[in-house]
PDB file of N, CA and C in Angstrom:
ATOM      1  N   MET A   1       0.716  -1.047   0.307  1.00  0.00           N
ATOM      2  CA  MET A   1       0.223  -0.036  -0.220  1.00  0.00           C
ATOM      3  C   MET A   1       0.612   1.219  -0.237  1.00  0.00           C
ATOM      4  N   ILE A   2       0.439   2.437  -0.961  1.00  0.00           N
ATOM      5  CA  ILE A   2       0.921   3.637  -1.034  1.00  0.00           C
ATOM      6  C   ILE A   2       0.396   4.123   0.828  1.00  0.00           C
ATOM      7  N   ASP A   3       1.739   5.274   1.318  1.00  0.00           N
ATOM      8  CA  ASP A   3       1.473   5.759   1.623  1.00  0.00           C
ATOM      9  C   ASP A   3       0.681   6.924   1.543  1.00  0.00           C
ATOM     10  N   PRO A   4      -0.091   7.564   2.041  1.00  0.00           N
ATOM     11  CA  PRO A   4      -1.095   9.478   1.311  1.00  0.00           C
ATOM     12  C   PRO A   4      -0.064  10.249   0.925  1.00  0.00           C
ATOM     13  N   THR A   5       0.779  10.305   1.766  1.00  0.00           N
ATOM     14  CA  THR A   5       1.416  11.347   1.282  1.00  0.00           C
ATOM     15  C   THR A   5       2.652  11.349  -0.661  1.00  0.00           C
ATOM     16  N   ASP A   6       2.451  10.097  -0.573  1.00  0.00           N
ATOM     17  CA  ASP A   6       2.496   9.399  -2.389  1.00  0.00           C
ATOM     18  C   ASP A   6       1.785   9.936  -2.965  1.00  0.00           C
ATOM     19  N   VAL A   7       0.650   9.972  -2.405  1.00  0.00           N
ATOM     20  CA  VAL A   7      -0.591  10.208  -3.135  1.00  0.00           C
ATOM     21  C   VAL A   7      -0.589  11.542  -4.439  1.00  0.00           C
ATOM     22  N   ARG A   8      -0.440  11.551  -6.109  1.00  0.00           N
ATOM     23  CA  ARG A   8      -0.567  12.697  -6.476  1.00  0.00           C
ATOM     24  C   ARG A   8      -1.806  12.446  -8.013  1.00  0.00           C
ATOM     25  N   THR A   9      -2.033  10.869  -8.061  1.00  0.00           N
ATOM     26  CA  THR A   9      -3.497  11.077  -9.533  1.00  0.00           C
ATOM     27  C   THR A   9      -4.381  10.474  -8.330  1.00  0.00           C
ATOM     28  N   ARG A  10      -5.830  10.707  -9.136  1.00  0.00           N
ATOM     29  CA  ARG A  10      -7.006  10.123  -9.239  1.00  0.00           C
ATOM     30  C   ARG A  10      -5.843   8.392  -8.963  1.00  0.00           C
ATOM     31  N   ASP A  11      -5.837   7.984  -9.994  1.00  0.00           N
ATOM     32  CA  ASP A  11      -5.104   6.699  -9.696  1.00  0.00           C
ATOM     33  C   ASP A  11      -4.449   6.241  -8.869  1.00  0.00           C
ATOM     34  N   ASP A  12      -3.592   6.765  -8.859  1.00  0.00           N
ATOM     35  CA  ASP A  12      -2.444   6.688  -6.619  1.00  0.00           C
ATOM     36  C   ASP A  12      -3.903   6.344  -5.704  1.00  0.00           C
ATOM     37  N   LEU A  13      -5.391   7.690  -5.550  1.00  0.00           N
ATOM     38  CA  LEU A  13      -5.563   7.291  -4.397  1.00  0.00           C
ATOM     39  C   LEU A  13      -6.637   6.569  -4.916  1.00  0.00           C
ATOM     40  N   VAL A  14      -7.117   6.011  -6.479  1.00  0.00           N
ATOM     41  CA  VAL A  14      -7.837   4.974  -6.068  1.00  0.00           C
ATOM     42  C   VAL A  14      -7.017   3.528  -5.250  1.00  0.00           C
ATOM     43  N   ARG A  15      -5.327   3.508  -6.062  1.00  0.00           N
ATOM     44  CA  ARG A  15      -4.627   2.274  -5.228  1.00  0.00           C
ATOM     45  C   ARG A  15      -4.518   2.165  -3.644  1.00  0.00           C
ATOM     46  N   TYR A  16      -4.607   3.959  -3.260  1.00  0.00           N
ATOM     47  CA  TYR A  16      -3.958   3.472  -2.203  1.00  0.00           C
ATOM     48  C   TYR A  16      -5.317   3.838  -1.212  1.00  0.00           C
ATOM     49  N   LEU A  17      -7.238   3.412  -1.631  1.00  0.00           N
ATOM     50  CA  LEU A  17      -7.713   3.474  -0.826  1.00  0.00           C
ATOM     51  C   LEU A  17      -8.341   1.831  -1.290  1.00  0.00           C
ATOM     52  N   ASP A  18      -7.460   1.144  -2.183  1.00  0.00           N
ATOM     53  CA  ASP A  18      -8.218  -0.629  -2.286  1.00  0.00           C
ATOM     54  C   ASP A  18      -7.219  -1.016  -1.607  1.00  0.00           C
ATOM     55  N   GLY A  19      -6.173  -0.422  -1.174  1.00  0.00           N
ATOM     56  CA  GLY A  19      -4.726  -1.029  -0.556  1.00  0.00           C
ATOM     57  C   GLY A  19      -4.562  -0.837   0.995  1.00  0.00           C
ATOM     58  N   LEU A  20      -6.002   0.752   1.561  1.00  0.00           N
ATOM     59  CA  LEU A  20      -6.095   0.772   2.837  1.00  0.00           C
ATOM     60  C   LEU A  20      -6.998  -0.361   3.334  1.00  0.00           C
ATOM     61  N   ALA A  21      -8.238  -0.458   2.052  1.00  0.00           N
ATOM     62  CA  ALA A  21      -9.203  -1.345   2.749  1.00  0.00           C
ATOM     63  C   ALA A  21      -9.398  -3.062   2.472  1.00  0.00           C
ATOM     64  N   ARG A  22      -8.201  -2.851   2.363  1.00  0.00           N
ATOM     65  CA  ARG A  22      -7.713  -5.002   2.643  1.00  0.00           C
ATOM     66  C   ARG A  22      -6.434  -4.254   3.630  1.00  0.00           C
ATOM     67  N   ALA A  23      -5.974  -3.673   3.902  1.00  0.00           N
ATOM     68  CA  ALA A  23      -5.096  -3.967   4.726  1.00  0.00           C
ATOM     69  C   ALA A  23      -6.240  -3.453   6.303  1.00  0.00           C
ATOM     70  N   VAL A  24      -7.690  -2.993   6.317  1.00  0.00           N
ATOM     71  CA  VAL A  24      -8.311  -2.653   7.204  1.00  0.00           C
ATOM     72  C   VAL A  24      -8.941  -4.496   7.890  1.00  0.00           C
ATOM     73  N   SER A  25      -9.052  -5.155   6.055  1.00  0.00           N
ATOM     74  CA  SER A  25      -9.975  -5.274   6.291  1.00  0.00           C
ATOM     75  C   SER A  25      -9.564  -7.036   7.218  1.00  0.00           C
ATOM     76  N   LEU A  26      -8.340  -6.551   7.189  1.00  0.00           N
ATOM     77  CA  LEU A  26      -6.819  -8.392   6.970  1.00  0.00           C
ATOM     78  C   LEU A  26      -6.281  -7.505   8.679  1.00  0.00           C
ATOM     79  N   ASN A  27      -6.911  -7.436   9.685  1.00  0.00           N
ATOM     80  CA  ASN A  27      -6.394  -6.090  10.298  1.00  0.00           C
ATOM     81  C   ASN A  27      -4.630  -5.999  10.244  1.00  0.00           C
ATOM     82  N   GLN A  28      -4.526  -5.154   9.257  1.00  0.00           N
ATOM     83  CA  GLN A  28      -2.737  -5.006   9.514  1.00  0.00           C
ATOM     84  C   GLN A  28      -3.424  -3.294   9.531  1.00  0.00           C
ATOM     85  N   ARG A  29      -4.169  -2.536   9.826  1.00  0.00           N
ATOM     86  CA  ARG A  29      -3.922  -1.636   9.599  1.00  0.00           C
ATOM     87  C   ARG A  29      -5.009  -1.044  10.692  1.00  0.00           C
ATOM     88  N   GLU A  30      -4.775  -0.210  11.822  1.00  0.00           N
ATOM     89  CA  GLU A  30      -5.677  -0.174  13.084  1.00  0.00           C
ATOM     90  C   GLU A  30      -6.219   0.310  12.964  1.00  0.00           C
ATOM     91  N   VAL A  31      -7.367   1.315  12.395  1.00  0.00           N
ATOM     92  CA  VAL A  31      -8.367   1.674  13.101  1.00  0.00           C
ATOM     93  C   VAL A  31      -9.230   1.976  14.121  1.00  0.00           C
ATOM     94  N   GLU A  32      -9.791   2.943  14.737  1.00  0.00           N
ATOM     95  CA  GLU A  32     -10.095   3.712  16.010  1.00  0.00           C
ATOM     96  C   GLU A  32     -12.041   3.784  15.533  1.00  0.00           C
ATOM     97  N   MET A  33     -11.954   3.937  14.355  1.00  0.00           N
ATOM     98  CA  MET A  33     -13.501   4.417  13.694  1.00  0.00           C
ATOM     99  C   MET A  33     -13.576   2.942  13.473  1.00  0.00           C
ATOM    100  N   VAL A  34     -14.761   2.850  13.894  1.00  0.00           N
ATOM    101  CA  VAL A  34     -15.227   1.317  13.937  1.00  0.00           C
ATOM    102  C   VAL A  34     -16.797   2.258  13.510  1.00  0.00           C
ATOM    103  N   ARG A  35     -17.668   2.146  13.636  1.00  0.00           N
ATOM    104  CA  ARG A  35     -18.866   2.881  12.308  1.00  0.00           C
ATOM    105  C   ARG A  35     -18.772   3.673  11.594  1.00  0.00           C
ATOM    106  N   ILE A  36     -19.410   3.446  10.945  1.00  0.00           N
ATOM    107  CA  ILE A  36     -19.345   4.719   9.415  1.00  0.00           C
ATOM    108  C   ILE A  36     -19.763   6.611  10.008  1.00  0.00           C
ATOM    109  N   GLU A  37     -20.624   6.397  10.384  1.00  0.00           N
ATOM    110  CA  GLU A  37     -20.923   7.971  11.220  1.00  0.00           C
ATOM    111  C   GLU A  37     -19.496   8.409  12.018  1.00  0.00           C
ATOM    112  N   ASP A  38     -18.894   7.542  12.637  1.00  0.00           N
ATOM    113  CA  ASP A  38     -18.079   8.097  12.716  1.00  0.00           C
ATOM    114  C   ASP A  38     -16.636   8.110  12.551  1.00  0.00           C
ATOM    115  N   PHE A  39     -16.471   7.566  11.661  1.00  0.00           N
ATOM    116  CA  PHE A  39     -15.528   8.411  10.127  1.00  0.00           C
ATOM    117  C   PHE A  39     -15.670   9.381   9.639  1.00  0.00           C
ATOM    118  N   LEU A  40     -16.906   9.540   9.980  1.00  0.00           N
ATOM    119  CA  LEU A  40     -17.293  10.441   8.672  1.00  0.00           C
ATOM    120  C   LEU A  40     -16.756  11.418   9.710  1.00  0.00           C
ATOM    121  N   GLU A  41     -17.779  11.739  10.599  1.00  0.00           N
ATOM    122  CA  GLU A  41     -17.563  12.336  11.814  1.00  0.00           C
ATOM    123  C   GLU A  41     -16.241  13.434  12.071  1.00  0.00           C
ATOM    124  N   ALA A  42     -14.464  11.948  12.175  1.00  0.00           N
ATOM    125  CA  ALA A  42     -13.292  12.493  12.662  1.00  0.00           C
ATOM    126  C   ALA A  42     -12.894  12.598  10.894  1.00  0.00           C
ATOM    127  N   LEU A  43     -13.462  12.109   9.804  1.00  0.00           N
ATOM    128  CA  LEU A  43     -13.126  12.539   8.861  1.00  0.00           C
ATOM    129  C   LEU A  43     -13.055  14.405   8.472  1.00  0.00           C
ATOM    130  N   ALA A  44     -14.089  14.445   9.440  1.00  0.00           N
ATOM    131  CA  ALA A  44     -14.432  15.748   9.136  1.00  0.00           C
ATOM    132  C   ALA A  44     -14.110  16.751   9.888  1.00  0.00           C
ATOM    133  N   ALA A  45     -13.486  15.985  11.048  1.00  0.00           N
ATOM    134  CA  ALA A  45     -12.831  16.808  12.067  1.00  0.00           C
ATOM    135  C   ALA A  45     -11.605  17.897  11.890  1.00  0.00           C
ATOM    136  N   TRP A  46     -10.771  16.416  10.758  1.00  0.00           N
ATOM    137  CA  TRP A  46      -9.412  16.260  10.570  1.00  0.00           C
ATOM    138  C   TRP A  46      -9.809  17.468   9.649  1.00  0.00           C
ATOM    139  N   ILE A  47     -10.505  17.582   8.796  1.00  0.00           N
ATOM    140  CA  ILE A  47     -10.358  18.611   7.707  1.00  0.00           C
ATOM    141  C   ILE A  47     -10.481  20.493   8.829  1.00  0.00           C
ATOM    142  N   ALA A  48     -11.107  20.124   9.238  1.00  0.00           N
ATOM    143  CA  ALA A  48     -11.883  21.763   9.251  1.00  0.00           C
ATOM    144  C   ALA A  48     -10.387  21.381  10.418  1.00  0.00           C
ATOM    145  N   ASP A  49      -9.617  20.848  11.148  1.00  0.00           N
ATOM    146  CA  ASP A  49      -8.128  21.069  11.871  1.00  0.00           C
ATOM    147  C   ASP A  49      -6.875  21.552  10.966  1.00  0.00           C
ATOM    148  N   MET A  50      -7.232  20.471  10.097  1.00  0.00           N
ATOM    149  CA  MET A  50      -5.431  20.630   9.048  1.00  0.00           C
ATOM    150  C   MET A  50      -4.259  21.120   9.026  1.00  0.00           C
ATOM    151  N   ASP A  51      -4.796  22.743   8.890  1.00  0.00           N
ATOM    152  CA  ASP A  51      -4.402  23.550   9.016  1.00  0.00           C
ATOM    153  C   ASP A  51      -3.273  23.471  10.186  1.00  0.00           C
ATOM    154  N   GLY A  52      -3.730  22.935  11.256  1.00  0.00           N
ATOM    155  CA  GLY A  52      -2.470  22.392  12.663  1.00  0.00           C
ATOM    156  C   GLY A  52      -1.791  21.250  12.207  1.00  0.00           C
ATOM    157  N   TYR A  53      -2.484  21.034  11.369  1.00  0.00           N
ATOM    158  CA  TYR A  53      -2.033  18.698  10.944  1.00  0.00           C
ATOM    159  C   TYR A  53      -0.273  19.499  10.009  1.00  0.00           C
ATOM    160  N   PHE A  54      -0.348  20.268   9.584  1.00  0.00           N
ATOM    161  CA  PHE A  54       0.049  20.947   8.534  1.00  0.00           C
ATOM    162  C   PHE A  54       1.591  22.046   9.028  1.00  0.00           C
ATOM    163  N   ALA A  55       0.787  22.697   9.807  1.00  0.00           N
ATOM    164  CA  ALA A  55       1.715  23.675  10.738  1.00  0.00           C
ATOM    165  C   ALA A  55       3.072  22.932  11.904  1.00  0.00           C
ATOM    166  N   ASN A  56       1.797  21.131  12.414  1.00  0.00           N
ATOM    167  CA  ASN A  56       3.497  21.048  13.427  1.00  0.00           C
ATOM    168  C   ASN A  56       4.430  20.491  12.476  1.00  0.00           C
ATOM    169  N   GLN A  57       4.169  19.870  10.885  1.00  0.00           N
ATOM    170  CA  GLN A  57       4.518  19.340  10.118  1.00  0.00           C
ATOM    171  C   GLN A  57       6.031  20.129   9.465  1.00  0.00           C
ATOM    172  N   GLY A  58       5.452  21.292  10.007  1.00  0.00           N
ATOM    173  CA  GLY A  58       6.157  22.832   9.555  1.00  0.00           C
ATOM    174  C   GLY A  58       6.379  23.618   7.854  1.00  0.00           C
ATOM    175  N   VAL A  59       4.835  22.647   7.293  1.00  0.00           N
ATOM    176  CA  VAL A  59       4.752  22.775   6.181  1.00  0.00           C
ATOM    177  C   VAL A  59       3.237  23.725   5.465  1.00  0.00           C
ATOM    178  N   GLU A  60       3.279  24.557   4.882  1.00  0.00           N
ATOM    179  CA  GLU A  60       1.776  25.188   4.668  1.00  0.00           C
ATOM    180  C   GLU A  60       0.479  24.534   4.536  1.00  0.00           C
ATOM    181  N   PRO A  61       0.003  24.960   3.783  1.00  0.00           N
ATOM    182  CA  PRO A  61      -1.323  23.766   4.247  1.00  0.00           C
ATOM    183  C   PRO A  61      -1.796  24.208   2.877  1.00  0.00           C
ATOM    184  N   PRO A  62      -2.476  23.609   2.125  1.00  0.00           N
ATOM    185  CA  PRO A  62      -2.412  23.784   0.587  1.00  0.00           C
ATOM    186  C   PRO A  62      -3.470  24.503   0.695  1.00  0.00           C
ATOM    187  N   SER A  63      -4.117  25.450  -0.274  1.00  0.00           N
ATOM    188  CA  SER A  63      -5.693  26.376  -0.313  1.00  0.00           C
ATOM    189  C   SER A  63      -6.648  25.363  -0.710  1.00  0.00           C
ATOM    190  N   GLU A  64      -5.924  24.688  -2.136  1.00  0.00           N
ATOM    191  CA  GLU A  64      -6.729  23.373  -2.825  1.00  0.00           C
ATOM    192  C   GLU A  64      -6.810  22.272  -2.544  1.00  0.00           C
ATOM    193  N   GLY A  65      -8.185  21.019  -2.333  1.00  0.00           N
ATOM    194  CA  GLY A  65      -7.876  20.206  -1.803  1.00  0.00           C
ATOM    195  C   GLY A  65      -7.069  18.966  -3.190  1.00  0.00           C
ATOM    196  N   THR A  66      -5.816  18.288  -3.284  1.00  0.00           N
ATOM    197  CA  THR A  66      -5.821  17.346  -3.880  1.00  0.00           C
ATOM    198  C   THR A  66      -5.863  16.104  -4.037  1.00  0.00           C
ATOM    199  N   TRP A  67      -5.387  15.499  -4.914  1.00  0.00           N
ATOM    200  CA  TRP A  67      -5.541  13.813  -4.420  1.00  0.00           C
ATOM    201  C   TRP A  67      -4.837  13.500  -3.848  1.00  0.00           C
ATOM    202  N   GLN A  68      -3.530  14.089  -3.031  1.00  0.00           N
ATOM    203  CA  GLN A  68      -2.876  13.716  -2.338  1.00  0.00           C
ATOM    204  C   GLN A  68      -3.833  14.274  -0.094  1.00  0.00           C
ATOM    205  N   VAL A  69      -4.212  15.510  -0.335  1.00  0.00           N
ATOM    206  CA  VAL A  69      -5.309  16.241   0.763  1.00  0.00           C
ATOM    207  C   VAL A  69      -6.110  14.993   1.437  1.00  0.00           C
ATOM    208  N   MET A  70      -7.362  14.597   0.159  1.00  0.00           N
ATOM    209  CA  MET A  70      -8.054  13.658  -0.077  1.00  0.00           C
ATOM    210  C   MET A  70      -7.137  12.302   0.821  1.00  0.00           C
ATOM    211  N   ALA A  71      -6.039  11.871   0.242  1.00  0.00           N
ATOM    212  CA  ALA A  71      -5.565  10.655   0.584  1.00  0.00           C
ATOM    213  C   ALA A  71      -5.373  10.997   2.096  1.00  0.00           C
ATOM    214  N   MET A  72      -5.309  11.795   3.081  1.00  0.00           N
ATOM    215  CA  MET A  72      -4.259  12.059   3.864  1.00  0.00           C
ATOM    216  C   MET A  72      -6.187  11.899   4.982  1.00  0.00           C
ATOM    217  N   ALA A  73      -6.455  12.894   4.143  1.00  0.00           N
ATOM    218  CA  ALA A  73      -7.845  12.900   5.346  1.00  0.00           C
ATOM    219  C   ALA A  73      -8.627  11.415   5.599  1.00  0.00           C
ATOM    220  N   VAL A  74      -8.769  10.684   4.841  1.00  0.00           N
ATOM    221  CA  VAL A  74      -9.459   9.422   4.817  1.00  0.00           C
ATOM    222  C   VAL A  74      -8.437   9.040   6.122  1.00  0.00           C
ATOM    223  N   ALA A  75      -7.167   8.897   6.218  1.00  0.00           N
ATOM    224  CA  ALA A  75      -5.802   7.947   6.654  1.00  0.00           C
ATOM    225  C   ALA A  75      -6.874   8.964   8.343  1.00  0.00           C
ATOM    226  N   ALA A  76      -6.934   9.768   8.277  1.00  0.00           N
ATOM    227  CA  ALA A  76      -6.803  10.933   9.201  1.00  0.00           C
ATOM    228  C   ALA A  76      -7.816   9.806   9.923  1.00  0.00           C
ATOM    229  N   GLY A  77      -9.121  10.216   9.103  1.00  0.00           N
ATOM    230  CA  GLY A  77     -10.260   9.977   9.720  1.00  0.00           C
ATOM    231  C   GLY A  77     -10.451   8.380  10.619  1.00  0.00           C
ATOM    232  N   LEU A  78      -9.446   7.289  10.036  1.00  0.00           N
ATOM    233  CA  LEU A  78      -9.852   6.140  10.438  1.00  0.00           C
ATOM    234  C   LEU A  78      -9.737   6.466  12.168  1.00  0.00           C
ATOM    235  N   VAL A  79      -8.382   7.504  12.313  1.00  0.00           N
ATOM    236  CA  VAL A  79      -7.567   7.383  13.449  1.00  0.00           C
ATOM    237  C   VAL A  79      -8.026   8.710  14.398  1.00  0.00           C
ATOM    238  N   TYR A  80      -8.759   9.766  13.279  1.00  0.00           N
ATOM    239  CA  TYR A  80      -8.293  11.052  14.789  1.00  0.00           C
ATOM    240  C   TYR A  80     -10.274  11.103  15.551  1.00  0.00           C
ATOM    241  N   GLU A  81      -9.499  11.896  16.826  1.00  0.00           N
ATOM    242  CA  GLU A  81     -10.596  11.695  17.961  1.00  0.00           C
ATOM    243  C   GLU A  81     -10.614  13.527  18.059  1.00  0.00           C
TER     244      GLU A  81
END
């Protein structure tokens, strides 16, 4: 599975999400959010707070969404509280 920060194209995102789904189903990826509504709430919360994430990484937050940001948001939605 590729890392969400390596996602650059729509095809990369599809490969990332397919790999993530397999990893979750095989218990190879830890998931905090079991219910879809919890995942969606966490996803929304991370997107709302992502400027803080990027600041902690020492990089400028993106001004527009990208395939990479979408992949990062999905990954965070699985564990963000």
